[in-house]
Amino acid sequence: MYNTSEQFQHLFRVASSEQFLKMNALGGEIPFFIAPYDPKMQVEVEKAIKGLINKLASNNIEVLEINLYALSCEIIEGGMGMEKMIKAETRRNKDKFLRALQSSLNIQEVLMPAIDKKIKESNAKIYFITGIGAVFPFIRSHTVLNNLQNIAKNAPTVMFFPGNYSGTSLELFGLLKDDNYYRAFNLDRYQL
């Protein structure tokens, strides 16, 4: 059974450790970590993430949270506008709307540069990626991870993932198998 309190106590111990912050013992791998959680606990996990960010800040560890849903809304609002996007949703069939949305949030040309800008403007020691479930299916977690490799390499990156991560595959909501991704460490199994 999933225990949010225990998981976030473990996450704090890991994230506040010098070994983690200095990215030691990664064996040359990129500093990417997956923190899987039970999607039924979404509201509780969101609160726990905020609490973890505050607890780390009180220990002089700045965290940059990149909520993919909030960032997507920000990009759409700055582009065609949310109101126009909502109107487009009502006028188009589901597939056409999804393509239009994916085009507006093109991973390489739009989303990654926006994330890169946030990282460059930050002095964070850790990056948290949140909002994964809210952006499915127009943004896929493995695509974000693959494209972050060139951007988020100066600090550990933790993706909070609503589902399962075996160490080789991501299962969103514990139901939908995403493409394999094997370059991240499962934080539940990370030992100091």
Protein backbone atom coordinates (compact mmCIF):
# COMPACT_ATOMS: atom_id res chain seq x y z
CA MET A 1 0.00 0.00 0.00
CA TYR A 2 1.21 3.49 -0.88
CA ASN A 3 2.12 5.70 2.08
CA THR A 4 2.60 9.36 1.13
CA SER A 5 4.11 10.35 4.46
CA GLU A 6 6.74 7.61 4.39
CA GLN A 7 7.59 8.24 0.75
CA PHE A 8 8.08 11.96 1.28
CA GLN A 9 10.19 11.41 4.40
CA HIS A 10 12.41 9.20 2.24
CA LEU A 11 12.42 11.83 -0.54
CA PHE A 12 13.52 14.50 1.92
CA ARG A 13 16.36 12.33 3.25
CA VAL A 14 17.53 11.63 -0.30
CA ALA A 15 17.06 15.13 -1.73
CA SER A 16 18.81 16.81 1.18
CA SER A 17 21.81 14.49 1.09
CA GLU A 18 25.14 15.74 -0.20
CA GLN A 19 25.53 12.58 -2.30
CA PHE A 20 22.28 13.37 -4.15
CA LEU A 21 22.91 17.10 -4.54
CA LYS A 22 26.43 16.54 -5.88
CA MET A 23 25.11 13.78 -8.16
CA ASN A 24 27.66 11.26 -6.84
CA ALA A 25 27.37 7.54 -7.43
CA LEU A 26 25.42 7.88 -10.68
CA GLY A 27 27.95 5.88 -12.68
CA GLY A 28 28.07 8.46 -15.46
CA GLU A 29 24.30 8.47 -15.90
CA ILE A 30 22.26 11.62 -16.21
CA PRO A 31 20.86 12.90 -12.89
CA PHE A 32 17.23 11.94 -13.56
CA PHE A 33 14.97 10.39 -10.95
CA ILE A 34 11.38 9.18 -11.03
CA ALA A 35 9.22 9.46 -7.91
CA PRO A 36 6.25 7.23 -8.75
CA TYR A 37 3.07 7.51 -6.73
CA ASP A 38 -0.44 6.13 -6.63
CA PRO A 39 -2.56 8.36 -8.91
CA LYS A 40 -5.47 8.01 -6.48
CA MET A 41 -3.38 10.06 -4.05
CA GLN A 42 -2.92 13.02 -6.44
CA VAL A 43 -4.27 15.73 -4.13
CA GLU A 44 -2.31 14.43 -1.15
CA VAL A 45 0.87 14.16 -3.25
CA GLU A 46 0.51 17.72 -4.56
CA LYS A 47 0.35 18.97 -0.97
CA ALA A 48 3.31 16.78 -0.01
CA ILE A 49 5.37 18.16 -2.91
CA LYS A 50 4.72 21.73 -1.71
CA GLY A 51 5.67 20.66 1.81
CA LEU A 52 8.85 19.00 0.54
CA ILE A 53 9.82 22.14 -1.40
CA ASN A 54 9.31 24.26 1.75
CA LYS A 55 11.22 21.81 3.95
CA LEU A 56 14.14 21.74 1.50
CA ALA A 57 14.09 25.56 1.28
CA SER A 58 14.33 25.76 5.07
CA ASN A 59 17.51 23.69 4.68
CA ASN A 60 18.89 26.14 2.07
CA ILE A 61 18.11 23.82 -0.85
CA GLU A 62 16.28 25.76 -3.54
CA VAL A 63 13.95 23.74 -5.77
CA LEU A 64 12.62 24.78 -9.16
CA GLU A 65 9.20 23.20 -9.70
CA ILE A 66 8.23 22.95 -13.34
CA ASN A 67 4.55 22.05 -13.46
CA LEU A 68 3.99 20.94 -17.06
CA TYR A 69 0.29 21.73 -16.92
CA ALA A 70 0.81 25.28 -15.61
CA LEU A 71 3.63 25.84 -18.10
CA SER A 72 1.45 24.56 -20.97
CA CYS A 73 -1.34 26.96 -19.97
CA GLU A 74 1.19 29.81 -19.77
CA ILE A 75 2.52 28.99 -23.27
CA ILE A 76 -0.97 28.75 -24.77
CA GLU A 77 -2.04 31.99 -23.12
CA GLY A 78 1.07 33.73 -24.48
CA GLY A 79 0.43 32.32 -27.94
CA MET A 80 -3.05 32.04 -29.38
CA GLY A 81 -4.72 32.53 -26.02
CA MET A 82 -6.63 30.08 -23.87
CA GLU A 83 -10.01 31.33 -25.04
CA LYS A 84 -9.16 30.67 -28.70
CA MET A 85 -7.78 27.24 -27.83
CA ILE A 86 -11.01 26.36 -26.01
CA LYS A 87 -13.04 27.52 -29.02
CA ALA A 88 -10.84 25.40 -31.28
CA GLU A 89 -11.59 22.41 -29.08
CA THR A 90 -15.33 22.80 -29.62
CA ARG A 91 -14.99 23.30 -33.40
CA ARG A 92 -12.61 20.45 -34.20
CA ASN A 93 -12.79 16.75 -33.77
CA LYS A 94 -10.67 15.24 -31.02
CA ASP A 95 -7.74 14.19 -33.25
CA LYS A 96 -7.48 17.59 -34.99
CA PHE A 97 -7.64 19.39 -31.66
CA LEU A 98 -4.94 17.14 -30.19
CA ARG A 99 -2.67 17.85 -33.19
CA ALA A 100 -3.29 21.61 -32.84
CA LEU A 101 -2.50 21.46 -29.14
CA GLN A 102 0.66 19.41 -29.72
CA SER A 103 1.74 21.88 -32.39
CA SER A 104 1.23 24.83 -30.02
CA LEU A 105 3.30 23.01 -27.39
CA ASN A 106 5.92 21.52 -29.73
CA ILE A 107 8.44 19.77 -27.51
CA GLN A 108 11.65 20.88 -29.26
CA GLU A 109 10.58 24.33 -30.44
CA VAL A 110 8.35 25.55 -27.62
CA LEU A 111 8.26 23.47 -24.43
CA MET A 112 11.97 22.70 -24.01
CA PRO A 113 13.07 26.31 -24.66
CA ALA A 114 10.53 27.45 -22.03
CA ILE A 115 11.91 24.92 -19.53
CA ASP A 116 15.49 25.86 -20.43
CA LYS A 117 14.68 29.53 -19.76
CA LYS A 118 13.22 28.70 -16.33
CA ILE A 119 16.29 26.62 -15.44
CA LYS A 120 18.72 29.35 -16.56
CA GLU A 121 16.84 31.98 -14.53
CA SER A 122 16.97 29.80 -11.43
CA ASN A 123 19.66 29.06 -8.85
CA ALA A 124 17.94 25.81 -7.92
CA LYS A 125 19.87 22.84 -6.64
CA ILE A 126 17.06 20.44 -7.67
CA TYR A 127 14.45 20.50 -10.43
CA PHE A 128 11.00 18.99 -9.82
CA ILE A 129 8.83 18.09 -12.83
CA THR A 130 5.15 17.87 -11.88
CA GLY A 131 1.80 17.90 -13.68
CA ILE A 132 2.55 14.77 -15.74
CA GLY A 133 -0.94 13.29 -15.49
CA ALA A 134 -2.65 16.58 -16.31
CA VAL A 135 -0.82 17.00 -19.64
CA PHE A 136 -1.44 13.47 -20.91
CA PRO A 137 -1.87 12.68 -23.83
CA PHE A 138 -0.57 15.85 -25.49
CA ILE A 139 2.75 15.72 -23.63
CA ARG A 140 4.32 12.36 -22.86
CA SER A 141 6.64 11.81 -19.91
CA HIS A 142 9.27 9.81 -21.81
CA THR A 143 9.44 12.54 -24.47
CA VAL A 144 10.02 15.18 -21.82
CA LEU A 145 12.76 13.09 -20.18
CA ASN A 146 14.48 12.40 -23.50
CA ASN A 147 14.52 16.09 -24.38
CA LEU A 148 15.56 17.27 -20.92
CA GLN A 149 18.88 15.42 -21.17
CA ASN A 150 20.55 18.39 -22.85
CA ILE A 151 18.94 21.01 -20.62
CA ALA A 152 18.71 19.72 -17.04
CA LYS A 153 22.16 18.33 -16.43
CA ASN A 154 23.52 20.69 -13.78
CA ALA A 155 21.22 19.57 -10.98
CA PRO A 156 19.24 16.45 -10.12
CA THR A 157 15.84 16.31 -11.82
CA VAL A 158 12.94 14.55 -10.11
CA MET A 159 9.82 13.70 -12.09
CA PHE A 160 6.78 13.03 -9.92
CA PHE A 161 5.00 10.32 -11.87
CA PRO A 162 1.39 9.22 -11.25
CA GLY A 163 1.84 5.54 -11.90
CA ASN A 164 4.53 2.89 -11.89
CA TYR A 165 8.18 2.96 -12.88
CA SER A 166 9.96 -0.38 -13.01
CA GLY A 167 13.33 1.09 -13.88
CA THR A 168 12.75 0.39 -17.55
CA SER A 169 9.16 1.32 -18.31
CA LEU A 170 6.70 4.00 -17.27
CA GLU A 171 3.05 3.07 -16.72
CA LEU A 172 0.97 6.20 -16.43
CA PHE A 173 -1.87 5.80 -13.92
CA GLY A 174 -0.68 2.20 -13.54
CA LEU A 175 -2.60 1.41 -16.73
CA LEU A 176 -1.04 3.05 -19.78
CA LYS A 177 2.37 1.81 -20.79
CA ASP A 178 4.46 4.63 -22.18
CA ASP A 179 7.58 4.03 -24.24
CA ASN A 180 10.43 2.51 -22.33
CA TYR A 181 12.70 4.84 -20.43
CA TYR A 182 15.63 3.34 -18.59
CA ARG A 183 17.97 6.25 -17.87
CA ALA A 184 16.27 7.44 -14.70
CA PHE A 185 16.62 6.07 -11.19
CA ASN A 186 13.53 5.09 -9.21
CA LEU A 187 13.67 7.27 -6.07
CA ASP A 188 11.68 4.72 -4.09
CA ARG A 189 14.66 2.37 -4.47
CA TYR A 190 17.40 4.99 -4.06
CA GLN A 191 19.61 4.23 -1.08
CA LEU A 192 22.05 6.59 0.58
